[in-house]
Amino acid sequence: MIFIAGVYPKQKKLEYNAGPNTCSSCGRYGSYEVYVEYNSFSIFFIPIIKWKKRYFAVTTCCSERFELDAQIGERIERGDNTQIRDEDLIRNEGFGRVKYCNSCGQPLDPGFTYCPKCGAKQR
């Protein structure tokens, strides 16, 4: 008899359709995409147990990634009509940080002093 089992990290995009909002990172309009990450024990590729669930919100404007409060994430996963507020987000420093040109809005590497697109000096 062949027995196939394993422990795998998984990520699943959740259905979240709130309107656009102003991003707290870059100041542009965008929306959130919500993901759940968890570990899964599977037998014959069928998930049996899930643990270590964490919820994340990623902005569509600058791809900033925030950890989401677990209670809000669970509500979104159930399909409840829930709004994500700034208080519900936990910033993950160093991940997904994007700098934008002060003049034209071009995405830049954090070390750039001048924008390669318009030549404007960065603050």
C-alpha atoms as a PDB file:
ATOM      1  CA  MET A   1       0.000   0.000   0.000  1.00  0.00           C
ATOM      2  CA  ILE A   2       1.289   3.455  -0.903  1.00  0.00           C
ATOM      3  CA  PHE A   3       0.754   6.248   1.607  1.00  0.00           C
ATOM      4  CA  ILE A   4       1.332   9.868   0.505  1.00  0.00           C
ATOM      5  CA  ALA A   5       1.387  12.565   3.179  1.00  0.00           C
ATOM      6  CA  GLY A   6       3.136  15.877   3.681  1.00  0.00           C
ATOM      7  CA  VAL A   7       3.266  19.257   5.374  1.00  0.00           C
ATOM      8  CA  TYR A   8       3.154  22.232   3.031  1.00  0.00           C
ATOM      9  CA  PRO A   9       3.007  26.017   3.372  1.00  0.00           C
ATOM     10  CA  LYS A  10       0.020  27.384   1.448  1.00  0.00           C
ATOM     11  CA  GLN A  11      -1.220  30.792   0.365  1.00  0.00           C
ATOM     12  CA  LYS A  12      -4.754  31.594  -0.781  1.00  0.00           C
ATOM     13  CA  LYS A  13      -6.173  34.858  -2.118  1.00  0.00           C
ATOM     14  CA  LEU A  14      -9.395  35.819  -0.365  1.00  0.00           C
ATOM     15  CA  GLU A  15     -12.361  37.552  -1.971  1.00  0.00           C
ATOM     16  CA  TYR A  16     -12.287  41.183  -0.841  1.00  0.00           C
ATOM     17  CA  ASN A  17     -14.043  43.901  -2.814  1.00  0.00           C
ATOM     18  CA  ALA A  18     -13.873  47.187  -0.949  1.00  0.00           C
ATOM     19  CA  GLY A  19     -13.663  50.395  -2.915  1.00  0.00           C
ATOM     20  CA  PRO A  20     -10.473  52.307  -3.569  1.00  0.00           C
ATOM     21  CA  ASN A  21      -8.813  54.194  -0.756  1.00  0.00           C
ATOM     22  CA  THR A  22      -5.765  56.412  -0.306  1.00  0.00           C
ATOM     23  CA  CYS A  23      -2.640  54.364   0.396  1.00  0.00           C
ATOM     24  CA  SER A  24      -0.878  55.273   3.635  1.00  0.00           C
ATOM     25  CA  SER A  25       2.499  54.381   2.074  1.00  0.00           C
ATOM     26  CA  CYS A  26       2.579  56.145  -1.288  1.00  0.00           C
ATOM     27  CA  GLY A  27      -0.460  58.472  -1.141  1.00  0.00           C
ATOM     28  CA  ARG A  28      -2.014  57.082  -4.341  1.00  0.00           C
ATOM     29  CA  TYR A  29      -5.445  55.576  -4.822  1.00  0.00           C
ATOM     30  CA  GLY A  30      -5.510  51.830  -4.622  1.00  0.00           C
ATOM     31  CA  SER A  31      -7.251  48.896  -3.024  1.00  0.00           C
ATOM     32  CA  TYR A  32      -6.250  45.899  -0.935  1.00  0.00           C
ATOM     33  CA  GLU A  33      -5.812  42.299  -1.991  1.00  0.00           C
ATOM     34  CA  VAL A  34      -6.145  39.991   1.013  1.00  0.00           C
ATOM     35  CA  TYR A  35      -4.265  36.706   1.418  1.00  0.00           C
ATOM     36  CA  VAL A  36      -4.198  33.983   4.050  1.00  0.00           C
ATOM     37  CA  GLU A  37      -1.014  31.979   4.615  1.00  0.00           C
ATOM     38  CA  TYR A  38      -1.013  28.763   6.617  1.00  0.00           C
ATOM     39  CA  ASN A  39       0.674  25.391   7.024  1.00  0.00           C
ATOM     40  CA  SER A  40      -1.279  22.344   5.926  1.00  0.00           C
ATOM     41  CA  PHE A  41      -0.974  18.634   6.631  1.00  0.00           C
ATOM     42  CA  SER A  42      -2.249  16.666   3.649  1.00  0.00           C
ATOM     43  CA  ILE A  43      -2.937  12.993   3.040  1.00  0.00           C
ATOM     44  CA  PHE A  44      -3.220  11.991  -0.608  1.00  0.00           C
ATOM     45  CA  PHE A  45      -3.118  15.729  -1.467  1.00  0.00           C
ATOM     46  CA  ILE A  46      -6.255  16.404   0.607  1.00  0.00           C
ATOM     47  CA  PRO A  47      -5.672  19.021   3.341  1.00  0.00           C
ATOM     48  CA  ILE A  48      -6.547  17.527   6.729  1.00  0.00           C
ATOM     49  CA  ILE A  49      -5.233  20.060   9.268  1.00  0.00           C
ATOM     50  CA  LYS A  50      -4.417  23.779   8.876  1.00  0.00           C
ATOM     51  CA  TRP A  51      -2.445  25.765  11.448  1.00  0.00           C
ATOM     52  CA  LYS A  52      -0.410  28.941  11.888  1.00  0.00           C
ATOM     53  CA  LYS A  53      -2.835  31.086   9.883  1.00  0.00           C
ATOM     54  CA  ARG A  54      -1.735  34.643   9.129  1.00  0.00           C
ATOM     55  CA  TYR A  55      -3.584  37.231   7.077  1.00  0.00           C
ATOM     56  CA  PHE A  56      -1.972  39.825   4.816  1.00  0.00           C
ATOM     57  CA  ALA A  57      -3.211  42.823   2.854  1.00  0.00           C
ATOM     58  CA  VAL A  58      -1.244  43.959  -0.216  1.00  0.00           C
ATOM     59  CA  THR A  59      -1.896  47.345  -1.815  1.00  0.00           C
ATOM     60  CA  THR A  60      -2.520  47.399  -5.567  1.00  0.00           C
ATOM     61  CA  CYS A  61      -0.850  50.794  -6.012  1.00  0.00           C
ATOM     62  CA  CYS A  62       2.643  50.197  -4.558  1.00  0.00           C
ATOM     63  CA  SER A  63       2.576  46.520  -3.471  1.00  0.00           C
ATOM     64  CA  GLU A  64       3.124  47.418   0.195  1.00  0.00           C
ATOM     65  CA  ARG A  65       2.444  44.338   2.322  1.00  0.00           C
ATOM     66  CA  PHE A  66       0.787  44.625   5.723  1.00  0.00           C
ATOM     67  CA  GLU A  67      -0.034  41.936   8.235  1.00  0.00           C
ATOM     68  CA  LEU A  68      -3.744  42.057   8.935  1.00  0.00           C
ATOM     69  CA  ASP A  69      -5.387  41.702  12.342  1.00  0.00           C
ATOM     70  CA  ALA A  70      -6.479  38.060  12.677  1.00  0.00           C
ATOM     71  CA  GLN A  71     -10.098  38.882  13.601  1.00  0.00           C
ATOM     72  CA  ILE A  72     -10.513  41.080  10.506  1.00  0.00           C
ATOM     73  CA  GLY A  73      -8.898  38.385   8.345  1.00  0.00           C
ATOM     74  CA  GLU A  74     -11.256  35.729   9.681  1.00  0.00           C
ATOM     75  CA  ARG A  75     -14.275  37.941   8.923  1.00  0.00           C
ATOM     76  CA  ILE A  76     -13.061  38.500   5.357  1.00  0.00           C
ATOM     77  CA  GLU A  77     -12.454  34.753   4.953  1.00  0.00           C
ATOM     78  CA  ARG A  78     -16.045  34.048   6.088  1.00  0.00           C
ATOM     79  CA  GLY A  79     -17.319  36.509   3.464  1.00  0.00           C
ATOM     80  CA  ASP A  80     -18.508  39.231   5.867  1.00  0.00           C
ATOM     81  CA  ASN A  81     -18.672  42.781   4.528  1.00  0.00           C
ATOM     82  CA  THR A  82     -15.681  44.176   6.441  1.00  0.00           C
ATOM     83  CA  GLN A  83     -13.718  47.378   5.893  1.00  0.00           C
ATOM     84  CA  ILE A  84      -9.960  47.402   6.490  1.00  0.00           C
ATOM     85  CA  ARG A  85      -8.940  50.403   8.581  1.00  0.00           C
ATOM     86  CA  ASP A  86      -5.399  51.702   9.136  1.00  0.00           C
ATOM     87  CA  GLU A  87      -5.606  50.481  12.753  1.00  0.00           C
ATOM     88  CA  ASP A  88      -6.114  46.893  11.509  1.00  0.00           C
ATOM     89  CA  LEU A  89      -2.829  46.883   9.550  1.00  0.00           C
ATOM     90  CA  ILE A  90       0.593  45.976  10.934  1.00  0.00           C
ATOM     91  CA  ARG A  91       3.443  47.290   8.790  1.00  0.00           C
ATOM     92  CA  ASN A  92       6.113  44.731   7.842  1.00  0.00           C
ATOM     93  CA  GLU A  93       9.211  46.932   7.734  1.00  0.00           C
ATOM     94  CA  GLY A  94      11.623  46.259   4.895  1.00  0.00           C
ATOM     95  CA  PHE A  95       9.181  44.251   2.778  1.00  0.00           C
ATOM     96  CA  GLY A  96       7.676  45.768  -0.332  1.00  0.00           C
ATOM     97  CA  ARG A  97       8.900  49.306   0.408  1.00  0.00           C
ATOM     98  CA  VAL A  98       8.787  51.349  -2.775  1.00  0.00           C
ATOM     99  CA  LYS A  99       9.959  54.937  -3.212  1.00  0.00           C
ATOM    100  CA  TYR A 100       8.277  57.158  -5.818  1.00  0.00           C
ATOM    101  CA  CYS A 101       9.512  60.245  -7.652  1.00  0.00           C
ATOM    102  CA  ASN A 102       8.257  63.473  -6.080  1.00  0.00           C
ATOM    103  CA  SER A 103       7.671  64.962  -9.519  1.00  0.00           C
ATOM    104  CA  CYS A 104       6.403  62.281 -11.926  1.00  0.00           C
ATOM    105  CA  GLY A 105       5.487  59.333  -9.667  1.00  0.00           C
ATOM    106  CA  GLN A 106       7.954  56.873 -11.236  1.00  0.00           C
ATOM    107  CA  PRO A 107       8.821  53.935  -8.903  1.00  0.00           C
ATOM    108  CA  LEU A 108      12.453  54.279  -7.764  1.00  0.00           C
ATOM    109  CA  ASP A 109      15.043  52.288  -5.886  1.00  0.00           C
ATOM    110  CA  PRO A 110      15.359  53.737  -2.365  1.00  0.00           C
ATOM    111  CA  GLY A 111      18.974  54.833  -3.007  1.00  0.00           C
ATOM    112  CA  PHE A 112      18.211  57.036  -6.058  1.00  0.00           C
ATOM    113  CA  THR A 113      18.990  60.740  -5.668  1.00  0.00           C
ATOM    114  CA  TYR A 114      17.613  61.679  -9.119  1.00  0.00           C
ATOM    115  CA  CYS A 115      14.686  60.223 -11.057  1.00  0.00           C
ATOM    116  CA  PRO A 116      15.863  58.390 -14.224  1.00  0.00           C
ATOM    117  CA  LYS A 117      12.619  59.306 -16.024  1.00  0.00           C
ATOM    118  CA  CYS A 118      12.285  63.073 -15.398  1.00  0.00           C
ATOM    119  CA  GLY A 119      15.608  63.958 -13.730  1.00  0.00           C
ATOM    120  CA  ALA A 120      14.008  65.579 -10.656  1.00  0.00           C
ATOM    121  CA  LYS A 121      16.096  65.581  -7.468  1.00  0.00           C
ATOM    122  CA  GLN A 122      14.534  63.444  -4.741  1.00  0.00           C
ATOM    123  CA  ARG A 123      14.065  64.513  -1.107  1.00  0.00           C
END
